[in-house]
N, C-alpha and C. Protein backbone atom coordinates (compact mmCIF):
# COMPACT_ATOMS: atom_id res chain seq x y z
N MET A 1 13.72 -36.88 -0.60
CA MET A 1 12.62 -37.03 0.34
C MET A 1 11.79 -35.75 0.32
N PHE A 2 10.49 -35.90 0.28
CA PHE A 2 9.56 -34.77 0.28
C PHE A 2 9.46 -34.17 1.67
N ARG A 3 9.58 -32.86 1.75
CA ARG A 3 9.46 -32.14 3.01
C ARG A 3 8.26 -31.22 2.93
N GLU A 4 7.37 -31.30 3.90
CA GLU A 4 6.19 -30.45 3.89
C GLU A 4 6.60 -29.01 4.19
N ILE A 5 6.21 -28.12 3.30
CA ILE A 5 6.55 -26.71 3.44
C ILE A 5 5.26 -25.92 3.57
N PRO A 6 5.10 -25.17 4.68
CA PRO A 6 3.88 -24.38 4.82
C PRO A 6 3.84 -23.25 3.80
N ILE A 7 2.64 -22.98 3.29
CA ILE A 7 2.44 -21.93 2.30
C ILE A 7 1.30 -21.04 2.78
N GLY A 8 1.46 -19.74 2.62
CA GLY A 8 0.41 -18.79 2.96
C GLY A 8 0.29 -17.77 1.85
N SER A 9 -0.67 -16.89 1.98
CA SER A 9 -0.85 -15.85 0.98
C SER A 9 -1.09 -14.52 1.67
N GLY A 10 -0.98 -13.46 0.91
CA GLY A 10 -1.21 -12.12 1.43
C GLY A 10 -1.42 -11.16 0.29
N THR A 11 -1.68 -9.92 0.63
CA THR A 11 -1.93 -8.87 -0.35
C THR A 11 -0.99 -7.71 -0.08
N PHE A 12 -0.30 -7.24 -1.10
CA PHE A 12 0.59 -6.10 -0.94
C PHE A 12 -0.26 -4.84 -0.81
N VAL A 13 -0.02 -4.07 0.25
CA VAL A 13 -0.81 -2.85 0.49
C VAL A 13 0.10 -1.68 0.82
N ASN A 14 -0.43 -0.50 0.60
CA ASN A 14 0.22 0.75 0.98
C ASN A 14 -0.82 1.51 1.80
N THR A 15 -0.53 1.70 3.08
CA THR A 15 -1.48 2.39 3.95
C THR A 15 -0.73 3.25 4.97
N CYS A 16 -1.24 4.44 5.20
CA CYS A 16 -0.66 5.35 6.19
C CYS A 16 0.83 5.57 5.95
N GLY A 17 1.25 5.55 4.69
CA GLY A 17 2.65 5.76 4.35
C GLY A 17 3.53 4.53 4.54
N LEU A 18 2.95 3.39 4.85
CA LEU A 18 3.69 2.15 5.04
C LEU A 18 3.34 1.17 3.94
N GLU A 19 4.34 0.43 3.47
CA GLU A 19 4.11 -0.61 2.48
C GLU A 19 4.41 -1.96 3.11
N GLY A 20 3.62 -2.95 2.74
CA GLY A 20 3.86 -4.28 3.27
C GLY A 20 2.83 -5.27 2.79
N ILE A 21 2.81 -6.40 3.46
CA ILE A 21 1.92 -7.49 3.09
C ILE A 21 0.90 -7.69 4.20
N LEU A 22 -0.37 -7.60 3.83
CA LEU A 22 -1.46 -7.89 4.75
C LEU A 22 -1.78 -9.37 4.61
N THR A 23 -1.72 -10.10 5.72
CA THR A 23 -1.93 -11.54 5.69
C THR A 23 -2.63 -11.97 6.97
N ALA A 24 -2.95 -13.22 7.06
CA ALA A 24 -3.57 -13.76 8.27
C ALA A 24 -2.51 -13.91 9.37
N TYR A 25 -2.90 -13.66 10.60
CA TYR A 25 -1.99 -13.82 11.73
C TYR A 25 -1.47 -15.25 11.80
N HIS A 26 -2.36 -16.23 11.55
CA HIS A 26 -1.91 -17.62 11.65
C HIS A 26 -0.87 -17.97 10.59
N VAL A 27 -0.78 -17.18 9.52
CA VAL A 27 0.25 -17.37 8.50
C VAL A 27 1.57 -16.74 8.96
N ALA A 28 1.50 -15.57 9.58
CA ALA A 28 2.71 -14.81 9.92
C ALA A 28 3.27 -15.09 11.31
N LYS A 29 2.50 -15.70 12.19
CA LYS A 29 2.90 -15.82 13.60
C LYS A 29 4.21 -16.57 13.81
N ASP A 30 4.53 -17.51 12.96
CA ASP A 30 5.76 -18.30 13.14
C ASP A 30 6.96 -17.74 12.39
N LEU A 31 6.76 -16.68 11.60
CA LEU A 31 7.87 -16.14 10.81
C LEU A 31 9.00 -15.63 11.67
N ASP A 32 8.69 -15.06 12.83
CA ASP A 32 9.73 -14.52 13.71
C ASP A 32 10.66 -15.62 14.22
N ASP A 33 10.18 -16.87 14.25
CA ASP A 33 10.99 -17.98 14.75
C ASP A 33 11.81 -18.66 13.66
N LEU A 34 11.59 -18.29 12.40
CA LEU A 34 12.31 -18.92 11.29
C LEU A 34 13.56 -18.11 10.94
N SER A 35 14.64 -18.81 10.66
CA SER A 35 15.86 -18.12 10.26
C SER A 35 15.81 -17.68 8.80
N GLU A 36 15.04 -18.38 7.99
CA GLU A 36 14.88 -17.98 6.60
C GLU A 36 13.54 -18.48 6.07
N TYR A 37 13.02 -17.72 5.13
CA TYR A 37 11.79 -18.09 4.44
C TYR A 37 11.76 -17.34 3.12
N CYS A 38 10.85 -17.72 2.26
CA CYS A 38 10.77 -17.13 0.93
C CYS A 38 9.44 -16.41 0.78
N ILE A 39 9.50 -15.23 0.21
CA ILE A 39 8.29 -14.49 -0.14
C ILE A 39 8.32 -14.31 -1.65
N CYS A 40 7.28 -14.77 -2.32
CA CYS A 40 7.19 -14.69 -3.77
C CYS A 40 6.16 -13.63 -4.13
N MET A 41 6.59 -12.63 -4.90
CA MET A 41 5.68 -11.59 -5.37
C MET A 41 5.46 -11.83 -6.86
N SER A 42 4.23 -12.13 -7.24
CA SER A 42 3.95 -12.56 -8.61
C SER A 42 4.10 -11.45 -9.65
N GLU A 43 4.11 -10.19 -9.26
CA GLU A 43 4.26 -9.12 -10.24
C GLU A 43 5.70 -8.96 -10.69
N LYS A 44 6.63 -9.57 -9.97
CA LYS A 44 8.04 -9.46 -10.32
C LYS A 44 8.48 -10.73 -11.05
N PRO A 45 8.95 -10.61 -12.30
CA PRO A 45 9.35 -11.81 -13.04
C PRO A 45 10.65 -12.43 -12.53
N GLU A 46 11.51 -11.63 -11.92
CA GLU A 46 12.77 -12.16 -11.43
C GLU A 46 12.66 -12.50 -9.94
N ARG A 47 13.49 -13.43 -9.51
CA ARG A 47 13.50 -13.83 -8.10
C ARG A 47 14.24 -12.77 -7.28
N GLN A 48 13.63 -12.39 -6.20
CA GLN A 48 14.24 -11.40 -5.32
C GLN A 48 14.38 -12.03 -3.94
N GLU A 49 15.61 -12.02 -3.42
CA GLU A 49 15.84 -12.59 -2.10
C GLU A 49 15.42 -11.58 -1.03
N ILE A 50 14.59 -12.04 -0.12
CA ILE A 50 14.09 -11.19 0.96
C ILE A 50 14.40 -11.90 2.27
N HIS A 51 14.98 -11.18 3.19
CA HIS A 51 15.38 -11.75 4.47
C HIS A 51 14.37 -11.40 5.56
N ALA A 52 14.34 -12.21 6.60
CA ALA A 52 13.42 -11.98 7.72
C ALA A 52 13.62 -10.59 8.31
N ASP A 53 14.85 -10.10 8.32
CA ASP A 53 15.13 -8.77 8.88
C ASP A 53 14.56 -7.64 8.04
N ASP A 54 14.10 -7.95 6.82
CA ASP A 54 13.55 -6.93 5.93
C ASP A 54 12.11 -6.56 6.29
N PHE A 55 11.49 -7.32 7.19
CA PHE A 55 10.10 -7.10 7.54
C PHE A 55 9.93 -6.92 9.04
N LYS A 56 8.94 -6.13 9.41
CA LYS A 56 8.52 -6.03 10.80
C LYS A 56 7.12 -6.61 10.89
N HIS A 57 6.94 -7.61 11.73
CA HIS A 57 5.64 -8.27 11.88
C HIS A 57 4.81 -7.50 12.91
N VAL A 58 3.65 -7.02 12.46
CA VAL A 58 2.75 -6.27 13.35
C VAL A 58 1.39 -6.97 13.35
N PRO A 59 1.07 -7.71 14.44
CA PRO A 59 -0.28 -8.28 14.56
C PRO A 59 -1.30 -7.14 14.63
N ILE A 60 -2.46 -7.34 14.02
CA ILE A 60 -3.50 -6.30 14.00
C ILE A 60 -4.62 -6.72 14.94
N GLY A 61 -5.01 -5.80 15.79
CA GLY A 61 -6.09 -6.07 16.74
C GLY A 61 -5.56 -6.57 18.06
N ILE A 62 -6.27 -6.31 19.10
CA ILE A 62 -5.89 -6.76 20.43
C ILE A 62 -6.99 -7.67 20.95
N LEU A 63 -6.60 -8.89 21.27
CA LEU A 63 -7.57 -9.83 21.81
C LEU A 63 -7.74 -9.60 23.31
N PRO A 64 -8.95 -9.71 23.83
CA PRO A 64 -9.16 -9.57 25.27
C PRO A 64 -8.47 -10.71 26.03
N ASP A 65 -8.18 -10.50 27.30
CA ASP A 65 -7.56 -11.53 28.12
C ASP A 65 -8.38 -12.82 28.06
N GLY A 66 -7.69 -13.94 27.91
CA GLY A 66 -8.36 -15.23 27.89
C GLY A 66 -8.90 -15.64 26.53
N ALA A 67 -8.84 -14.75 25.55
CA ALA A 67 -9.37 -15.09 24.22
C ALA A 67 -8.37 -15.96 23.47
N LYS A 68 -8.88 -16.77 22.58
CA LYS A 68 -8.03 -17.61 21.73
C LYS A 68 -7.75 -16.86 20.44
N VAL A 69 -6.63 -17.18 19.81
CA VAL A 69 -6.28 -16.54 18.53
C VAL A 69 -7.41 -16.72 17.52
N GLU A 70 -8.08 -17.87 17.58
CA GLU A 70 -9.17 -18.15 16.64
C GLU A 70 -10.35 -17.19 16.81
N ASP A 71 -10.42 -16.49 17.96
CA ASP A 71 -11.52 -15.56 18.20
C ASP A 71 -11.38 -14.28 17.37
N GLY A 72 -10.20 -14.11 16.73
CA GLY A 72 -9.97 -13.00 15.81
C GLY A 72 -9.57 -11.72 16.48
N PRO A 73 -9.21 -10.71 15.76
CA PRO A 73 -9.06 -10.75 14.31
C PRO A 73 -7.81 -11.54 13.94
N ASP A 74 -7.86 -12.22 12.83
CA ASP A 74 -6.75 -13.06 12.37
C ASP A 74 -5.98 -12.33 11.28
N LEU A 75 -5.37 -11.17 11.65
CA LEU A 75 -4.68 -10.35 10.66
C LEU A 75 -3.28 -9.96 11.16
N SER A 76 -2.37 -9.84 10.23
CA SER A 76 -1.02 -9.33 10.49
C SER A 76 -0.60 -8.47 9.32
N PHE A 77 0.29 -7.52 9.61
CA PHE A 77 0.85 -6.65 8.59
C PHE A 77 2.36 -6.83 8.63
N LEU A 78 2.94 -7.29 7.53
CA LEU A 78 4.39 -7.43 7.43
C LEU A 78 4.91 -6.18 6.74
N ILE A 79 5.46 -5.26 7.52
CA ILE A 79 5.90 -3.97 7.00
C ILE A 79 7.27 -4.12 6.36
N CYS A 80 7.40 -3.63 5.13
CA CYS A 80 8.69 -3.69 4.40
C CYS A 80 9.59 -2.58 4.86
């Protein structure tokens, strides 16, 4: 049976001495609630298992009170 699997994308960045994945908040917001997920890095030919505990999810930007997530910024940084 086919199971719908959400897919997102991001960019590997190194900033302020931190390495991680810059992605959209709407892509990363549910990761904290998942027990497992897969991150595929295309520069690595071999499969590398990465656990949720390997990343710290940091939403970027502070929305004013009453604002919707869609009002932006829609960014998150997954710190390795």
